[in-house]
Amino acid sequence: MNYLGNMIEFKLNEKENELAEEFLQEHRHPEVHKGAIGGHMEFKFIPTSVGDICIVKCSVCDSEKNITDYDSW
């Protein structure tokens, strides 16, 4: 099976990017080692028939935030 030919790309718009950046700043957790590239953030994309839902999660404190810009749908 050719997985590379079936890749899906998800993008954040300007508003979603701003919300993600705010969340990242709030969840820096300097007291915890997170690897060389700060890999403690997860982005979950849920495709729907109207648009894509985007949730960002901090794996240090398990806090999540839905950053979806529903106004862009």
N, C-alpha and C. Protein backbone atom coordinates (compact mmCIF):
# COMPACT_ATOMS: atom_id res chain seq x y z
N MET A 1 0.84 -1.19 0.00
CA MET A 1 0.00 0.00 0.00
C MET A 1 0.89 1.25 0.00
N ASN A 2 0.55 2.22 -0.78
CA ASN A 2 1.31 3.46 -0.89
C ASN A 2 0.73 4.51 0.06
N TYR A 3 1.29 4.60 1.25
CA TYR A 3 0.80 5.56 2.23
C TYR A 3 1.17 7.00 1.87
N LEU A 4 2.32 7.20 1.25
CA LEU A 4 2.73 8.55 0.91
C LEU A 4 1.80 9.19 -0.10
N GLY A 5 1.20 8.41 -0.97
CA GLY A 5 0.26 8.95 -1.95
C GLY A 5 -1.08 9.32 -1.34
N ASN A 6 -1.29 8.89 -0.10
CA ASN A 6 -2.57 9.15 0.58
C ASN A 6 -2.40 10.06 1.79
N MET A 7 -1.38 10.88 1.80
CA MET A 7 -1.13 11.75 2.95
C MET A 7 -2.19 12.84 3.04
N ILE A 8 -2.52 13.19 4.26
CA ILE A 8 -3.47 14.26 4.53
C ILE A 8 -2.70 15.39 5.21
N GLU A 9 -2.99 16.61 4.81
CA GLU A 9 -2.32 17.77 5.38
C GLU A 9 -3.33 18.62 6.13
N PHE A 10 -2.99 18.99 7.36
CA PHE A 10 -3.83 19.87 8.16
C PHE A 10 -3.08 21.17 8.38
N LYS A 11 -3.78 22.28 8.27
CA LYS A 11 -3.16 23.59 8.46
C LYS A 11 -3.97 24.40 9.46
N LEU A 12 -3.26 25.25 10.21
CA LEU A 12 -3.91 26.19 11.11
C LEU A 12 -4.04 27.52 10.39
N ASN A 13 -5.19 28.17 10.54
CA ASN A 13 -5.30 29.52 9.99
C ASN A 13 -4.69 30.50 10.99
N GLU A 14 -4.73 31.77 10.69
CA GLU A 14 -4.08 32.78 11.52
C GLU A 14 -4.63 32.78 12.95
N LYS A 15 -5.95 32.75 13.09
CA LYS A 15 -6.57 32.77 14.42
C LYS A 15 -6.20 31.52 15.22
N GLU A 16 -6.25 30.35 14.58
CA GLU A 16 -5.90 29.10 15.26
C GLU A 16 -4.43 29.09 15.65
N ASN A 17 -3.59 29.63 14.79
CA ASN A 17 -2.16 29.72 15.10
C ASN A 17 -1.92 30.60 16.32
N GLU A 18 -2.62 31.71 16.42
CA GLU A 18 -2.49 32.61 17.58
C GLU A 18 -2.93 31.90 18.85
N LEU A 19 -4.06 31.18 18.79
CA LEU A 19 -4.55 30.45 19.96
C LEU A 19 -3.58 29.34 20.37
N ALA A 20 -3.01 28.66 19.39
CA ALA A 20 -2.03 27.61 19.68
C ALA A 20 -0.79 28.21 20.34
N GLU A 21 -0.33 29.33 19.83
CA GLU A 21 0.85 29.99 20.40
C GLU A 21 0.60 30.43 21.84
N GLU A 22 -0.60 30.96 22.12
CA GLU A 22 -0.95 31.33 23.49
C GLU A 22 -0.91 30.11 24.41
N PHE A 23 -1.48 29.01 23.95
CA PHE A 23 -1.49 27.78 24.73
C PHE A 23 -0.06 27.30 24.98
N LEU A 24 0.77 27.33 23.95
CA LEU A 24 2.16 26.90 24.10
C LEU A 24 2.90 27.75 25.13
N GLN A 25 2.65 29.06 25.13
CA GLN A 25 3.30 29.95 26.08
C GLN A 25 2.84 29.66 27.51
N GLU A 26 1.55 29.34 27.67
CA GLU A 26 0.99 29.04 28.99
C GLU A 26 1.48 27.70 29.54
N HIS A 27 1.95 26.84 28.66
CA HIS A 27 2.33 25.47 29.07
C HIS A 27 3.79 25.17 28.74
N ARG A 28 4.65 26.11 29.05
CA ARG A 28 6.08 25.91 28.80
C ARG A 28 6.67 24.87 29.74
N HIS A 29 6.29 24.86 31.00
CA HIS A 29 6.78 23.93 32.02
C HIS A 29 8.31 23.84 32.02
N PRO A 30 8.99 24.96 32.35
CA PRO A 30 10.45 24.94 32.33
C PRO A 30 11.06 23.99 33.36
N GLU A 31 10.27 23.59 34.35
CA GLU A 31 10.77 22.71 35.40
C GLU A 31 10.87 21.24 34.96
N VAL A 32 10.34 20.94 33.78
CA VAL A 32 10.29 19.56 33.28
C VAL A 32 11.09 19.45 31.98
N HIS A 33 11.94 18.42 31.89
CA HIS A 33 12.68 18.17 30.64
C HIS A 33 11.71 17.58 29.61
N LYS A 34 11.67 18.17 28.43
CA LYS A 34 10.72 17.75 27.40
C LYS A 34 11.41 17.33 26.11
N GLY A 35 12.68 17.06 26.18
CA GLY A 35 13.40 16.66 24.97
C GLY A 35 14.02 17.86 24.28
N ALA A 36 14.81 17.58 23.29
CA ALA A 36 15.58 18.62 22.59
C ALA A 36 14.70 19.59 21.82
N ILE A 37 13.54 19.15 21.36
CA ILE A 37 12.69 20.03 20.54
C ILE A 37 11.38 20.36 21.22
N GLY A 38 11.28 20.14 22.52
CA GLY A 38 10.08 20.50 23.26
C GLY A 38 8.86 19.71 22.83
N GLY A 39 9.02 18.42 22.68
CA GLY A 39 7.95 17.58 22.15
C GLY A 39 6.85 17.24 23.12
N HIS A 40 6.45 18.17 23.96
CA HIS A 40 5.40 17.88 24.93
C HIS A 40 4.02 18.36 24.48
N MET A 41 3.91 18.85 23.28
CA MET A 41 2.62 19.31 22.75
C MET A 41 2.10 18.36 21.69
N GLU A 42 0.82 18.08 21.76
CA GLU A 42 0.16 17.24 20.77
C GLU A 42 -0.89 18.07 20.06
N PHE A 43 -1.00 17.87 18.77
CA PHE A 43 -2.07 18.49 17.99
C PHE A 43 -2.94 17.36 17.45
N LYS A 44 -4.22 17.43 17.76
CA LYS A 44 -5.17 16.42 17.29
C LYS A 44 -6.12 17.08 16.31
N PHE A 45 -6.21 16.53 15.11
CA PHE A 45 -7.10 17.05 14.07
C PHE A 45 -8.21 16.03 13.83
N ILE A 46 -9.44 16.53 13.84
CA ILE A 46 -10.60 15.67 13.62
C ILE A 46 -11.34 16.21 12.40
N PRO A 47 -11.22 15.53 11.27
CA PRO A 47 -11.92 15.97 10.07
C PRO A 47 -13.42 15.75 10.20
N THR A 48 -14.19 16.73 9.79
CA THR A 48 -15.64 16.60 9.72
C THR A 48 -16.07 16.99 8.31
N SER A 49 -17.34 16.86 8.03
CA SER A 49 -17.84 17.22 6.70
C SER A 49 -17.88 18.73 6.49
N VAL A 50 -17.75 19.50 7.58
CA VAL A 50 -17.82 20.96 7.48
C VAL A 50 -16.44 21.61 7.55
N GLY A 51 -15.58 21.06 8.38
CA GLY A 51 -14.24 21.61 8.57
C GLY A 51 -13.47 20.70 9.51
N ASP A 52 -12.26 21.10 9.84
CA ASP A 52 -11.41 20.30 10.71
C ASP A 52 -11.37 20.89 12.12
N ILE A 53 -11.61 20.04 13.10
CA ILE A 53 -11.50 20.45 14.51
C ILE A 53 -10.04 20.27 14.91
N CYS A 54 -9.50 21.23 15.64
CA CYS A 54 -8.11 21.14 16.10
C CYS A 54 -8.06 21.32 17.61
N ILE A 55 -7.43 20.36 18.26
CA ILE A 55 -7.25 20.39 19.71
C ILE A 55 -5.77 20.29 19.99
N VAL A 56 -5.28 21.16 20.86
CA VAL A 56 -3.88 21.11 21.27
C VAL A 56 -3.85 20.62 22.72
N LYS A 57 -2.86 19.75 23.02
CA LYS A 57 -2.78 19.15 24.35
C LYS A 57 -1.35 19.21 24.87
N CYS A 58 -1.23 19.55 26.14
CA CYS A 58 0.06 19.53 26.83
C CYS A 58 0.20 18.17 27.50
N SER A 59 1.22 17.41 27.14
CA SER A 59 1.40 16.08 27.71
C SER A 59 2.02 16.12 29.11
N VAL A 60 2.47 17.29 29.57
CA VAL A 60 3.00 17.41 30.92
C VAL A 60 1.87 17.48 31.93
N CYS A 61 0.87 18.35 31.68
CA CYS A 61 -0.22 18.53 32.65
C CYS A 61 -1.56 18.01 32.14
N ASP A 62 -1.59 17.42 30.95
CA ASP A 62 -2.80 16.86 30.33
C ASP A 62 -3.90 17.89 30.05
N SER A 63 -3.55 19.15 30.03
CA SER A 63 -4.52 20.19 29.70
C SER A 63 -4.73 20.22 28.18
N GLU A 64 -5.99 20.42 27.77
CA GLU A 64 -6.34 20.50 26.36
C GLU A 64 -7.09 21.79 26.07
N LYS A 65 -6.98 22.25 24.83
CA LYS A 65 -7.75 23.41 24.39
C LYS A 65 -8.16 23.21 22.96
N ASN A 66 -9.44 23.42 22.69
CA ASN A 66 -9.96 23.39 21.33
C ASN A 66 -9.66 24.76 20.71
N ILE A 67 -8.82 24.78 19.70
CA ILE A 67 -8.43 26.06 19.07
C ILE A 67 -9.09 26.25 17.72
N THR A 68 -10.12 25.47 17.44
CA THR A 68 -10.80 25.53 16.14
C THR A 68 -11.44 26.89 15.92
N ASP A 69 -11.21 27.46 14.76
CA ASP A 69 -11.84 28.72 14.36
C ASP A 69 -13.14 28.38 13.63
N TYR A 70 -14.21 28.22 14.39
CA TYR A 70 -15.49 27.82 13.79
C TYR A 70 -16.06 28.90 12.90
N ASP A 71 -15.64 30.16 13.10
CA ASP A 71 -16.12 31.25 12.24
C ASP A 71 -15.61 31.10 10.80
N SER A 72 -14.55 30.32 10.61
CA SER A 72 -14.02 30.15 9.26
C SER A 72 -14.71 29.02 8.49
N TRP A 73 -15.62 28.34 9.13
CA TRP A 73 -16.33 27.24 8.46
C TRP A 73 -17.36 27.78 7.56
